[in-house]
Amino acid sequence: MASAGVGSRRHCEELITAGRVRVNGVPAKLGQSVTPGMDRVEYRGRELKPEVEKVVVAVNKPAGYLSACFRGREEGWLVTELVDLPFRLYPVGRLDRDSEGLLLLTNDGDLALELTHPRYGKEKEYEVELDRPAGPELCERLQKSVQLADGPARAVRATLVGPGRISVVLAEGRKRQLRRMLEALRCKVLRLRRVRIAGLRLGDLPSGKWRRLSAQEVKEKLGHVPDEVRSQNAEVRIQSSRAKET
């Protein structure tokens, strides 16, 4: 469903749980396996077919844009409106409306999971401007632990980069996590900008602009190999093994 552009994996799970997805005419169950080409998966009466081509786009999100495909109660433009491609793409993780910087859009659900689930430990780096000068003690507190309403949080690294400016690296992405950590330490954020996801840097991409990543970049910078490439490699290994046996 995610690869067919319905939405993120979490959203698709909610649709399945709500009974809005059918497999071969019967309401689907969470975790149910289907065979492409044999089983018919439907949502809103339409058969879902996964997009074969995997697309990953890097966007320099401006402040005022929402990291979403659809408008809810929050006001703002949609980041998907910045990208002009004939694919259904959805944001990987979130940057809140007031935050800026590197955001990825994709139709690859496996990549989205790898970049957002804490168990994969994919780093995200942020540059933050504060309302007051910051000292080494602030960085130490961020790296040690900060108690939030949804549990303790800590930065992988936090360093001073200028008067009132710090660089912070996180390996998880709870909602407004960095802002809440700094608020808990009585710091007001004037500007928050993400400059790196895993090994991919924002670089000189202008605000509001986007670029499509190559398969090589996705592999080398994000550490992800699409399923079709894995399958091809597995087939090559099988054929090689059979050749040796003969």
Protein backbone atom coordinates (compact mmCIF):
# COMPACT_ATOMS: atom_id res chain seq x y z
CA MET A 1 0.00 0.00 0.00
CA ALA A 2 2.82 2.38 0.84
CA SER A 3 4.57 1.65 -2.46
CA ALA A 4 1.26 2.29 -4.26
CA GLY A 5 1.26 5.81 -2.84
CA VAL A 6 -1.62 5.48 -0.34
CA GLY A 7 0.50 6.96 2.45
CA SER A 8 3.08 6.13 5.07
CA ARG A 9 3.26 2.64 6.55
CA ARG A 10 1.70 3.84 9.79
CA HIS A 11 -1.22 5.42 7.93
CA CYS A 12 -1.72 2.23 5.90
CA GLU A 13 -1.77 0.16 9.10
CA GLU A 14 -4.49 2.44 10.47
CA LEU A 15 -6.56 1.96 7.30
CA ILE A 16 -6.19 -1.84 7.53
CA THR A 17 -7.16 -1.86 11.21
CA ALA A 18 -10.21 0.26 10.41
CA GLY A 19 -11.34 -2.35 7.86
CA ARG A 20 -11.03 -0.02 4.88
CA VAL A 21 -8.74 -2.33 2.87
CA ARG A 22 -9.88 -5.54 1.19
CA VAL A 23 -7.91 -8.51 -0.16
CA ASN A 24 -9.76 -10.64 -2.70
CA GLY A 25 -13.03 -9.08 -1.54
CA VAL A 26 -12.46 -9.79 2.16
CA PRO A 27 -11.40 -7.18 4.79
CA ALA A 28 -7.63 -7.33 5.17
CA LYS A 29 -5.87 -8.17 8.42
CA LEU A 30 -2.77 -6.42 9.76
CA GLY A 31 0.31 -8.50 8.90
CA GLN A 32 -1.49 -10.46 6.19
CA SER A 33 0.71 -11.56 3.28
CA VAL A 34 -0.34 -11.10 -0.34
CA THR A 35 1.16 -12.30 -3.61
CA PRO A 36 1.51 -9.61 -6.32
CA GLY A 37 -0.24 -10.65 -9.51
CA MET A 38 -2.41 -13.21 -7.72
CA ASP A 39 -4.12 -11.39 -4.85
CA ARG A 40 -6.26 -8.31 -5.45
CA VAL A 41 -5.81 -5.51 -2.90
CA GLU A 42 -8.44 -2.77 -2.91
CA TYR A 43 -8.82 0.58 -1.17
CA ARG A 44 -11.88 2.74 -1.75
CA GLY A 45 -12.96 0.28 -4.44
CA ARG A 46 -9.74 0.78 -6.43
CA GLU A 47 -7.18 -1.94 -7.01
CA LEU A 48 -3.77 -1.01 -5.64
CA LYS A 49 -0.73 -1.76 -7.73
CA PRO A 50 2.71 -0.83 -6.37
CA GLU A 51 4.73 1.61 -8.40
CA VAL A 52 7.69 -0.27 -9.81
CA GLU A 53 10.01 2.72 -10.02
CA LYS A 54 11.34 3.87 -6.65
CA VAL A 55 11.76 7.63 -6.35
CA VAL A 56 13.60 9.60 -3.66
CA VAL A 57 13.59 13.39 -3.68
CA ALA A 58 15.52 15.79 -1.44
CA VAL A 59 13.70 19.04 -0.64
CA ASN A 60 14.95 22.15 1.14
CA LYS A 61 11.76 22.77 3.10
CA PRO A 62 11.04 26.44 3.84
CA ALA A 63 9.39 27.56 7.06
CA GLY A 64 5.60 27.65 6.78
CA TYR A 65 5.31 24.35 4.89
CA LEU A 66 3.77 21.19 6.34
CA SER A 67 5.49 17.80 6.14
CA ALA A 68 2.31 16.13 4.93
CA CYS A 69 0.41 15.00 1.82
CA PHE A 70 -2.96 16.30 2.99
CA ARG A 71 -4.07 19.36 4.93
CA GLY A 72 -5.50 18.71 8.35
CA ARG A 73 -6.32 21.27 10.98
CA GLU A 74 -2.88 22.87 10.79
CA GLU A 75 -2.57 25.77 8.37
CA GLY A 76 0.24 25.97 5.83
CA TRP A 77 1.37 24.87 2.39
CA LEU A 78 2.16 21.22 1.69
CA VAL A 79 5.77 20.28 1.03
CA THR A 80 4.57 17.88 -1.68
CA GLU A 81 3.36 20.92 -3.66
CA LEU A 82 6.99 21.92 -4.18
CA VAL A 83 7.81 18.80 -6.24
CA ASP A 84 6.67 18.40 -9.84
CA LEU A 85 6.94 14.67 -10.60
CA PRO A 86 4.32 12.15 -11.85
CA PHE A 87 4.61 9.99 -8.72
CA ARG A 88 2.74 9.82 -5.42
CA LEU A 89 5.41 10.79 -2.93
CA TYR A 90 5.11 11.23 0.80
CA PRO A 91 7.44 12.78 3.39
CA VAL A 92 9.94 10.64 5.27
CA GLY A 93 9.51 11.71 8.88
CA ARG A 94 8.64 15.27 9.76
CA LEU A 95 9.90 18.78 10.09
CA ASP A 96 7.38 20.95 11.93
CA ARG A 97 5.90 23.93 10.14
CA ASP A 98 8.38 26.44 11.56
CA SER A 99 11.45 24.30 10.87
CA GLU A 100 13.49 24.33 7.65
CA GLY A 101 15.97 22.23 5.76
CA LEU A 102 16.48 18.75 4.41
CA LEU A 103 13.37 16.61 3.99
CA LEU A 104 13.02 13.50 1.83
CA LEU A 105 9.97 12.51 -0.20
CA THR A 106 9.64 8.97 -1.55
CA ASN A 107 7.35 6.14 -2.61
CA ASP A 108 9.72 3.56 -1.09
CA GLY A 109 8.13 2.38 2.16
CA ASP A 110 11.16 0.30 3.16
CA LEU A 111 13.45 3.33 2.90
CA ALA A 112 11.02 5.44 4.91
CA LEU A 113 10.99 2.83 7.67
CA GLU A 114 14.79 2.59 7.76
CA LEU A 115 15.17 6.36 8.07
CA THR A 116 12.50 6.91 10.73
CA HIS A 117 12.47 3.87 13.04
CA PRO A 118 14.82 4.27 16.04
CA ARG A 119 16.16 0.72 15.73
CA TYR A 120 18.07 1.68 12.58
CA GLY A 121 19.79 4.60 14.29
CA LYS A 122 19.95 6.83 11.22
CA GLU A 123 21.36 10.19 12.29
CA LYS A 124 19.76 13.57 11.59
CA GLU A 125 21.81 16.73 12.06
CA TYR A 126 20.32 20.13 12.88
CA GLU A 127 21.64 23.69 13.10
CA VAL A 128 19.85 25.69 15.77
CA GLU A 129 19.85 29.41 16.53
CA LEU A 130 18.90 30.30 20.12
CA ASP A 131 17.69 33.47 21.79
CA ARG A 132 20.79 33.64 23.99
CA PRO A 133 24.46 32.65 23.95
CA ALA A 134 25.03 28.93 24.48
CA GLY A 135 27.84 27.38 26.49
CA PRO A 136 29.42 23.92 26.76
CA GLU A 137 27.08 23.05 29.64
CA LEU A 138 24.05 23.20 27.30
CA CYS A 139 25.69 20.73 24.90
CA GLU A 140 26.58 18.45 27.80
CA ARG A 141 22.98 18.47 29.03
CA LEU A 142 21.66 17.61 25.57
CA GLN A 143 24.08 14.70 25.27
CA LYS A 144 23.43 13.41 28.78
CA SER A 145 19.62 13.26 28.95
CA VAL A 146 16.63 15.57 28.94
CA GLN A 147 13.37 14.46 30.53
CA LEU A 148 10.33 14.94 28.27
CA ALA A 149 6.68 14.10 28.74
CA ASP A 150 7.08 10.99 26.58
CA GLY A 151 10.31 9.85 28.23
CA PRO A 152 13.99 10.82 28.39
CA ALA A 153 15.74 11.99 25.23
CA ARG A 154 19.37 12.60 24.39
CA ALA A 155 21.46 13.87 21.53
CA VAL A 156 24.15 11.75 19.90
CA ARG A 157 26.29 14.87 19.67
CA ALA A 158 25.87 18.56 20.43
CA THR A 159 28.53 21.16 19.63
CA LEU A 160 28.86 24.94 19.65
CA VAL A 161 29.23 26.48 16.19
CA GLY A 162 28.90 30.17 17.06
CA PRO A 163 27.35 32.68 19.47
CA GLY A 164 23.88 31.34 20.21
CA ARG A 165 24.28 28.63 17.58
CA ILE A 166 24.62 24.88 18.13
CA SER A 167 24.78 21.76 15.98
CA VAL A 168 22.78 18.79 17.29
CA VAL A 169 22.71 15.21 16.02
CA LEU A 170 19.76 12.95 16.87
CA ALA A 171 19.24 9.26 16.13
CA GLU A 172 15.48 9.26 16.76
CA GLY A 173 12.69 11.49 15.56
CA ARG A 174 9.93 12.02 18.06
CA LYS A 175 7.51 14.85 17.34
CA ARG A 176 9.17 18.25 17.88
CA GLN A 177 11.82 16.40 19.90
CA LEU A 178 14.69 18.86 19.61
CA ARG A 179 12.49 21.89 20.22
CA ARG A 180 11.02 20.23 23.31
CA MET A 181 14.48 19.28 24.60
CA LEU A 182 15.66 22.86 24.32
CA GLU A 183 12.45 24.24 25.83
CA ALA A 184 12.96 21.91 28.80
CA LEU A 185 16.39 23.52 29.22
CA ARG A 186 14.78 26.98 29.05
CA CYS A 187 16.11 27.85 25.61
CA LYS A 188 13.99 29.52 22.96
CA VAL A 189 14.58 28.40 19.38
CA LEU A 190 14.77 31.22 16.85
CA ARG A 191 15.58 29.02 13.87
CA LEU A 192 15.89 25.26 13.39
CA ARG A 193 17.32 23.83 10.18
CA ARG A 194 18.07 20.19 9.31
CA VAL A 195 21.26 19.87 7.30
CA ARG A 196 21.87 16.12 7.15
CA ILE A 197 20.03 12.78 7.09
CA ALA A 198 22.36 9.79 7.48
CA GLY A 199 25.20 10.53 5.00
CA LEU A 200 23.16 12.90 2.82
CA ARG A 201 23.77 16.63 3.31
CA LEU A 202 21.55 19.52 2.31
CA GLY A 203 24.48 21.26 0.65
CA ASP A 204 23.71 24.31 -1.48
CA LEU A 205 20.16 23.29 -2.46
CA PRO A 206 18.17 26.57 -2.37
CA SER A 207 15.19 26.97 -0.07
CA GLY A 208 11.98 25.69 -1.68
CA LYS A 209 13.87 23.70 -4.34
CA TRP A 210 14.23 19.95 -4.81
CA ARG A 211 16.35 17.40 -6.61
CA ARG A 212 15.92 13.72 -7.33
CA LEU A 213 18.49 11.39 -5.81
CA SER A 214 20.22 8.78 -7.91
CA ALA A 215 20.12 5.10 -6.94
CA GLN A 216 23.83 5.37 -6.14
CA GLU A 217 23.20 8.26 -3.73
CA VAL A 218 20.40 6.37 -2.02
CA LYS A 219 22.72 3.40 -1.54
CA GLU A 220 25.87 5.28 -0.53
CA LYS A 221 24.41 8.23 1.39
CA LEU A 222 21.32 6.66 2.93
CA GLY A 223 22.53 3.07 3.19
CA HIS A 224 19.50 1.62 1.42
CA VAL A 225 19.22 -0.93 -1.38
CA PRO A 226 15.77 -1.20 -3.04
CA ASP A 227 14.00 -4.57 -2.95
CA GLU A 228 14.28 -5.09 -6.69
CA VAL A 229 18.06 -4.66 -6.50
CA ARG A 230 18.26 -7.09 -3.57
CA SER A 231 16.22 -9.61 -5.56
CA GLN A 232 18.47 -9.23 -8.59
CA ASN A 233 21.58 -9.67 -6.45
CA ALA A 234 20.08 -12.74 -4.78
CA GLU A 235 19.27 -14.24 -8.19
CA VAL A 236 22.83 -13.59 -9.36
CA ARG A 237 24.19 -15.35 -6.26
CA ILE A 238 21.89 -18.32 -6.83
CA GLN A 239 22.92 -18.61 -10.47
CA SER A 240 26.59 -18.31 -9.51
CA SER A 241 26.19 -21.03 -6.90
CA ARG A 242 24.49 -23.33 -9.40
CA ALA A 243 27.25 -22.72 -11.93
CA LYS A 244 29.89 -23.75 -9.38
CA GLU A 245 27.96 -26.90 -8.56
CA THR A 246 27.94 -27.94 -12.20
